[in-house]
């Protein structure tokens, strides 16, 4: 599966962005879809996941209540709605498809939140 993330940008603290990750190749609907992020000088960290059926979602504590993950199987796309953004949310955001113990990564999209 090939993944293309988009939607990053520069936003002020308190603002919102919506990231998109378009999938192509293998059957998108069979994969759990994840968002990770990596801030400068830090390790990549988990942000959120949505199960392949779209019936369960999980979030890192740091984004819970502010971010919402969703998927549109008809469009082969997963979204990350990010509200009430904070400067500490600044990072490169990556989408990743997961199945049978393997992650498939897309390229990242930069999110910068100014204070």
N, C-alpha and C. Protein backbone atom coordinates (compact mmCIF):
# COMPACT_ATOMS: atom_id res chain seq x y z
N UNK A 1 0.85 -1.18 0.00
CA UNK A 1 0.00 0.00 0.00
C UNK A 1 0.89 1.24 0.00
N UNK A 2 0.54 2.21 -0.81
CA UNK A 2 1.28 3.47 -0.88
C UNK A 2 0.44 4.57 -0.23
N UNK A 3 1.11 5.40 0.52
CA UNK A 3 0.42 6.42 1.31
C UNK A 3 0.96 7.80 0.99
N UNK A 4 0.07 8.76 0.88
CA UNK A 4 0.43 10.14 0.58
C UNK A 4 -0.26 11.05 1.59
N UNK A 5 0.53 11.64 2.48
CA UNK A 5 -0.03 12.54 3.49
C UNK A 5 0.00 13.98 3.00
N UNK A 6 -0.97 14.75 3.44
CA UNK A 6 -1.04 16.16 3.07
C UNK A 6 -1.82 16.92 4.12
N UNK A 7 -1.81 18.24 4.01
CA UNK A 7 -2.62 19.07 4.89
C UNK A 7 -1.86 19.80 5.97
N UNK A 8 -0.56 19.55 6.08
CA UNK A 8 0.22 20.25 7.08
C UNK A 8 0.38 21.72 6.73
N UNK A 9 0.93 22.46 7.68
CA UNK A 9 1.13 23.88 7.45
C UNK A 9 1.49 24.60 8.73
N UNK A 10 1.44 25.91 8.64
CA UNK A 10 1.74 26.78 9.78
C UNK A 10 0.43 27.33 10.33
N UNK A 11 0.24 27.20 11.63
CA UNK A 11 -0.99 27.67 12.26
C UNK A 11 -0.65 28.25 13.63
N UNK A 12 -1.44 29.20 14.08
CA UNK A 12 -1.25 29.76 15.41
C UNK A 12 -1.81 28.82 16.47
N UNK A 13 -1.28 28.94 17.65
CA UNK A 13 -1.78 28.16 18.79
C UNK A 13 -3.28 28.40 18.93
N UNK A 14 -4.00 27.31 19.18
CA UNK A 14 -5.45 27.38 19.28
C UNK A 14 -6.17 27.12 17.97
N UNK A 15 -5.42 27.09 16.90
CA UNK A 15 -6.00 26.87 15.58
C UNK A 15 -6.22 25.41 15.27
N UNK A 16 -6.63 25.16 14.03
CA UNK A 16 -6.97 23.80 13.59
C UNK A 16 -6.33 23.50 12.25
N UNK A 17 -6.09 22.23 12.04
CA UNK A 17 -5.66 21.71 10.74
C UNK A 17 -6.29 20.34 10.56
N UNK A 18 -6.48 19.96 9.30
CA UNK A 18 -6.91 18.60 9.01
C UNK A 18 -5.90 17.95 8.08
N UNK A 19 -5.32 16.87 8.56
CA UNK A 19 -4.40 16.11 7.74
C UNK A 19 -5.17 15.02 7.00
N UNK A 20 -4.69 14.72 5.81
CA UNK A 20 -5.26 13.65 5.01
C UNK A 20 -4.17 12.68 4.62
N UNK A 21 -4.53 11.43 4.47
CA UNK A 21 -3.60 10.40 4.02
C UNK A 21 -4.34 9.54 3.00
N UNK A 22 -3.95 9.68 1.76
CA UNK A 22 -4.58 8.93 0.68
C UNK A 22 -3.79 7.65 0.42
N UNK A 23 -4.50 6.54 0.34
CA UNK A 23 -3.87 5.24 0.15
C UNK A 23 -4.16 4.71 -1.25
N UNK A 24 -3.20 4.00 -1.78
CA UNK A 24 -3.39 3.33 -3.06
C UNK A 24 -2.66 2.00 -3.01
N UNK A 25 -2.95 1.15 -3.94
CA UNK A 25 -2.30 -0.15 -3.96
C UNK A 25 -3.22 -1.21 -3.40
N UNK A 26 -2.76 -1.86 -2.36
CA UNK A 26 -3.54 -2.95 -1.79
C UNK A 26 -4.81 -2.44 -1.11
N UNK A 27 -5.65 -3.37 -0.76
CA UNK A 27 -6.97 -3.03 -0.23
C UNK A 27 -6.83 -2.22 1.06
N UNK A 28 -7.15 -0.97 0.96
CA UNK A 28 -7.05 -0.04 2.07
C UNK A 28 -7.86 -0.49 3.26
N UNK A 29 -9.00 -1.06 3.01
CA UNK A 29 -9.93 -1.35 4.09
C UNK A 29 -9.44 -2.47 5.00
N UNK A 30 -8.41 -3.19 4.60
CA UNK A 30 -7.91 -4.29 5.43
C UNK A 30 -6.89 -3.85 6.47
N UNK A 31 -6.52 -2.59 6.46
CA UNK A 31 -5.44 -2.10 7.31
C UNK A 31 -5.96 -1.21 8.43
N UNK A 32 -5.38 -1.38 9.60
CA UNK A 32 -5.53 -0.36 10.63
C UNK A 32 -4.67 0.84 10.19
N UNK A 33 -5.20 2.03 10.39
CA UNK A 33 -4.49 3.22 9.93
C UNK A 33 -4.08 4.07 11.12
N UNK A 34 -2.84 4.50 11.09
CA UNK A 34 -2.23 5.21 12.21
C UNK A 34 -1.70 6.58 11.78
N UNK A 35 -1.60 7.43 12.76
CA UNK A 35 -0.83 8.66 12.64
C UNK A 35 0.25 8.64 13.72
N UNK A 36 1.45 8.98 13.30
CA UNK A 36 2.58 9.17 14.21
C UNK A 36 3.12 10.58 13.96
N UNK A 37 3.96 11.03 14.86
CA UNK A 37 4.62 12.32 14.64
C UNK A 37 6.03 12.28 15.21
N UNK A 38 6.86 13.15 14.65
CA UNK A 38 8.24 13.24 15.12
C UNK A 38 8.63 14.70 15.19
N UNK A 39 8.91 15.15 16.40
CA UNK A 39 9.35 16.52 16.62
C UNK A 39 10.88 16.58 16.49
N UNK A 40 11.42 17.75 16.22
CA UNK A 40 12.88 17.87 16.09
C UNK A 40 13.61 17.37 17.32
N UNK A 41 14.57 16.50 17.12
CA UNK A 41 15.37 15.99 18.22
C UNK A 41 14.70 14.94 19.07
N UNK A 42 13.49 14.52 18.67
CA UNK A 42 12.76 13.52 19.45
C UNK A 42 12.47 12.29 18.61
N UNK A 43 12.12 11.22 19.30
CA UNK A 43 11.77 10.00 18.59
C UNK A 43 10.34 10.10 18.05
N UNK A 44 10.08 9.31 17.04
CA UNK A 44 8.73 9.25 16.49
C UNK A 44 7.79 8.69 17.55
N UNK A 45 6.62 9.29 17.67
CA UNK A 45 5.66 8.85 18.68
C UNK A 45 4.29 8.61 18.08
N UNK A 46 3.57 7.72 18.69
CA UNK A 46 2.21 7.37 18.27
C UNK A 46 1.28 8.53 18.59
N UNK A 47 0.36 8.80 17.67
CA UNK A 47 -0.66 9.83 17.87
C UNK A 47 -2.06 9.21 17.96
N UNK A 48 -2.39 8.40 16.95
CA UNK A 48 -3.76 7.88 16.91
C UNK A 48 -3.83 6.70 15.95
N UNK A 49 -4.83 5.86 16.14
CA UNK A 49 -5.09 4.74 15.24
C UNK A 49 -6.59 4.55 15.10
N UNK A 50 -6.98 4.09 13.93
CA UNK A 50 -8.37 3.70 13.68
C UNK A 50 -8.34 2.30 13.11
N UNK A 51 -9.18 1.42 13.62
CA UNK A 51 -9.19 0.04 13.17
C UNK A 51 -9.70 -0.07 11.74
N UNK A 52 -9.44 -1.24 11.15
CA UNK A 52 -9.77 -1.38 9.72
C UNK A 52 -11.26 -1.26 9.45
N UNK A 53 -12.06 -1.59 10.44
CA UNK A 53 -13.50 -1.42 10.27
C UNK A 53 -13.96 0.00 10.59
N UNK A 54 -13.08 0.75 11.20
CA UNK A 54 -13.46 2.10 11.60
C UNK A 54 -14.30 2.15 12.86
N UNK A 55 -14.35 1.03 13.59
CA UNK A 55 -15.24 0.97 14.74
C UNK A 55 -14.53 1.26 16.06
N UNK A 56 -13.22 1.39 16.01
CA UNK A 56 -12.48 1.72 17.22
C UNK A 56 -11.37 2.71 16.90
N UNK A 57 -11.19 3.63 17.82
CA UNK A 57 -10.12 4.62 17.69
C UNK A 57 -9.38 4.73 19.02
N UNK A 58 -8.12 5.07 18.94
CA UNK A 58 -7.30 5.24 20.14
C UNK A 58 -6.42 6.46 19.93
N UNK A 59 -6.11 7.13 21.04
CA UNK A 59 -5.33 8.35 20.97
C UNK A 59 -4.26 8.38 22.04
N UNK A 60 -3.16 9.03 21.72
CA UNK A 60 -2.18 9.33 22.76
C UNK A 60 -2.81 10.31 23.75
N UNK A 61 -2.42 10.20 25.00
CA UNK A 61 -2.99 11.08 26.02
C UNK A 61 -2.76 12.55 25.67
N UNK A 62 -1.66 12.84 25.02
CA UNK A 62 -1.31 14.23 24.73
C UNK A 62 -2.25 14.89 23.72
N UNK A 63 -3.01 14.08 22.97
CA UNK A 63 -3.89 14.66 21.94
C UNK A 63 -5.35 14.33 22.19
N UNK A 64 -5.62 13.51 23.18
CA UNK A 64 -6.99 13.08 23.46
C UNK A 64 -7.88 14.28 23.74
N UNK A 65 -9.02 14.29 23.09
CA UNK A 65 -9.96 15.39 23.27
C UNK A 65 -9.73 16.55 22.32
N UNK A 66 -8.60 16.55 21.63
CA UNK A 66 -8.29 17.63 20.67
C UNK A 66 -8.21 17.12 19.23
N UNK A 67 -7.76 15.89 19.06
CA UNK A 67 -7.60 15.31 17.72
C UNK A 67 -8.68 14.25 17.49
N UNK A 68 -9.08 14.12 16.24
CA UNK A 68 -10.06 13.10 15.86
C UNK A 68 -9.59 12.41 14.59
N UNK A 69 -9.50 11.10 14.65
CA UNK A 69 -9.12 10.31 13.48
C UNK A 69 -10.38 9.74 12.85
N UNK A 70 -10.39 9.67 11.53
CA UNK A 70 -11.53 9.09 10.83
C UNK A 70 -11.02 8.52 9.51
N UNK A 71 -11.87 7.73 8.88
CA UNK A 71 -11.49 7.15 7.59
C UNK A 71 -12.69 7.12 6.67
N UNK A 72 -12.41 7.27 5.40
CA UNK A 72 -13.42 7.18 4.36
C UNK A 72 -12.94 6.09 3.41
N UNK A 73 -13.50 4.91 3.56
CA UNK A 73 -13.04 3.78 2.75
C UNK A 73 -13.36 3.97 1.27
N UNK A 74 -14.43 4.67 0.98
CA UNK A 74 -14.79 4.91 -0.42
C UNK A 74 -13.72 5.77 -1.11
N UNK A 75 -13.07 6.64 -0.35
CA UNK A 75 -12.04 7.51 -0.89
C UNK A 75 -10.63 7.01 -0.57
N UNK A 76 -10.55 5.87 0.13
CA UNK A 76 -9.24 5.33 0.53
C UNK A 76 -8.40 6.37 1.26
N UNK A 77 -9.04 7.07 2.15
CA UNK A 77 -8.37 8.18 2.83
C UNK A 77 -8.65 8.14 4.33
N UNK A 78 -7.62 8.44 5.10
CA UNK A 78 -7.78 8.60 6.54
C UNK A 78 -7.45 10.05 6.88
N UNK A 79 -8.14 10.57 7.87
CA UNK A 79 -8.01 11.97 8.23
C UNK A 79 -7.58 12.11 9.70
N UNK A 80 -6.95 13.20 9.99
CA UNK A 80 -6.67 13.56 11.38
C UNK A 80 -7.06 15.02 11.55
N UNK A 81 -8.19 15.23 12.21
CA UNK A 81 -8.64 16.58 12.52
C UNK A 81 -7.97 17.03 13.81
N UNK A 82 -7.25 18.12 13.74
CA UNK A 82 -6.48 18.59 14.89
C UNK A 82 -7.00 19.96 15.30
N UNK A 83 -7.56 20.02 16.48
CA UNK A 83 -8.10 21.26 17.02
C UNK A 83 -7.31 21.70 18.25
N UNK A 84 -7.49 22.93 18.63
CA UNK A 84 -6.82 23.49 19.82
C UNK A 84 -5.33 23.17 19.80
N UNK A 85 -4.71 23.42 18.68
CA UNK A 85 -3.31 23.07 18.51
C UNK A 85 -2.41 23.87 19.45
N UNK A 86 -1.36 23.20 19.88
CA UNK A 86 -0.39 23.78 20.81
C UNK A 86 0.99 23.79 20.16
N UNK A 87 1.87 24.65 20.60
CA UNK A 87 3.23 24.64 20.02
C UNK A 87 3.90 23.28 20.14
N UNK A 88 3.59 22.56 21.19
CA UNK A 88 4.20 21.23 21.35
C UNK A 88 3.67 20.18 20.37
N UNK A 89 2.67 20.55 19.60
CA UNK A 89 2.19 19.66 18.53
C UNK A 89 3.04 19.80 17.27
N UNK A 90 3.95 20.74 17.26
CA UNK A 90 4.82 20.93 16.10
C UNK A 90 5.65 19.68 15.85
N UNK A 91 5.56 19.16 14.64
CA UNK A 91 6.25 17.92 14.29
C UNK A 91 5.98 17.60 12.82
N UNK A 92 6.70 16.62 12.34
CA UNK A 92 6.36 16.01 11.05
C UNK A 92 5.39 14.87 11.37
N UNK A 93 4.26 14.89 10.71
CA UNK A 93 3.22 13.88 10.94
C UNK A 93 3.26 12.85 9.82
N UNK A 94 3.23 11.58 10.22
CA UNK A 94 3.29 10.48 9.29
C UNK A 94 2.04 9.61 9.42
N UNK A 95 1.53 9.16 8.30
CA UNK A 95 0.50 8.13 8.36
C UNK A 95 1.16 6.79 8.09
N UNK A 96 0.57 5.75 8.65
CA UNK A 96 1.11 4.41 8.51
C UNK A 96 -0.03 3.41 8.51
N UNK A 97 0.05 2.47 7.60
CA UNK A 97 -0.91 1.37 7.54
C UNK A 97 -0.31 0.19 8.28
N UNK A 98 -1.13 -0.51 9.02
CA UNK A 98 -0.63 -1.64 9.82
C UNK A 98 -1.46 -2.89 9.53
N UNK A 99 -0.71 -3.98 9.29
CA UNK A 99 -1.38 -5.26 9.13
C UNK A 99 -0.38 -6.38 9.34
N UNK A 100 -0.77 -7.39 10.08
CA UNK A 100 0.04 -8.59 10.26
C UNK A 100 1.46 -8.28 10.73
N UNK A 101 1.57 -7.35 11.65
CA UNK A 101 2.87 -7.08 12.24
C UNK A 101 3.76 -6.13 11.49
N UNK A 102 3.28 -5.59 10.37
CA UNK A 102 4.11 -4.70 9.56
C UNK A 102 3.45 -3.35 9.39
N UNK A 103 4.29 -2.30 9.45
CA UNK A 103 3.84 -0.95 9.15
C UNK A 103 4.30 -0.58 7.74
N UNK A 104 3.46 0.16 7.06
CA UNK A 104 3.78 0.72 5.76
C UNK A 104 3.64 2.23 5.90
N UNK A 105 4.74 2.92 5.64
CA UNK A 105 4.80 4.34 5.96
C UNK A 105 4.64 5.22 4.72
N UNK A 106 3.99 6.34 4.94
CA UNK A 106 3.97 7.38 3.92
C UNK A 106 5.02 8.42 4.25
N UNK A 107 5.16 9.38 3.37
CA UNK A 107 6.06 10.49 3.66
C UNK A 107 5.36 11.42 4.65
N UNK A 108 6.08 12.22 5.34
CA UNK A 108 5.48 13.05 6.37
C UNK A 108 4.98 14.38 5.83
N UNK A 109 4.19 15.03 6.66
CA UNK A 109 3.74 16.39 6.37
C UNK A 109 4.03 17.25 7.59
N UNK A 110 4.61 18.41 7.37
CA UNK A 110 5.06 19.25 8.47
C UNK A 110 3.90 20.05 9.04
N UNK A 111 3.79 20.02 10.37
CA UNK A 111 2.84 20.86 11.10
C UNK A 111 3.64 21.75 12.04
N UNK A 112 3.45 23.03 11.92
CA UNK A 112 4.14 23.98 12.78
C UNK A 112 3.10 24.86 13.47
N UNK A 113 3.15 24.88 14.79
CA UNK A 113 2.21 25.67 15.58
C UNK A 113 2.99 26.78 16.27
N UNK A 114 2.65 28.02 15.94
CA UNK A 114 3.34 29.16 16.53
C UNK A 114 2.62 29.64 17.79
N UNK A 115 3.39 30.13 18.73
CA UNK A 115 2.79 30.59 20.00
C UNK A 115 2.39 32.05 19.92
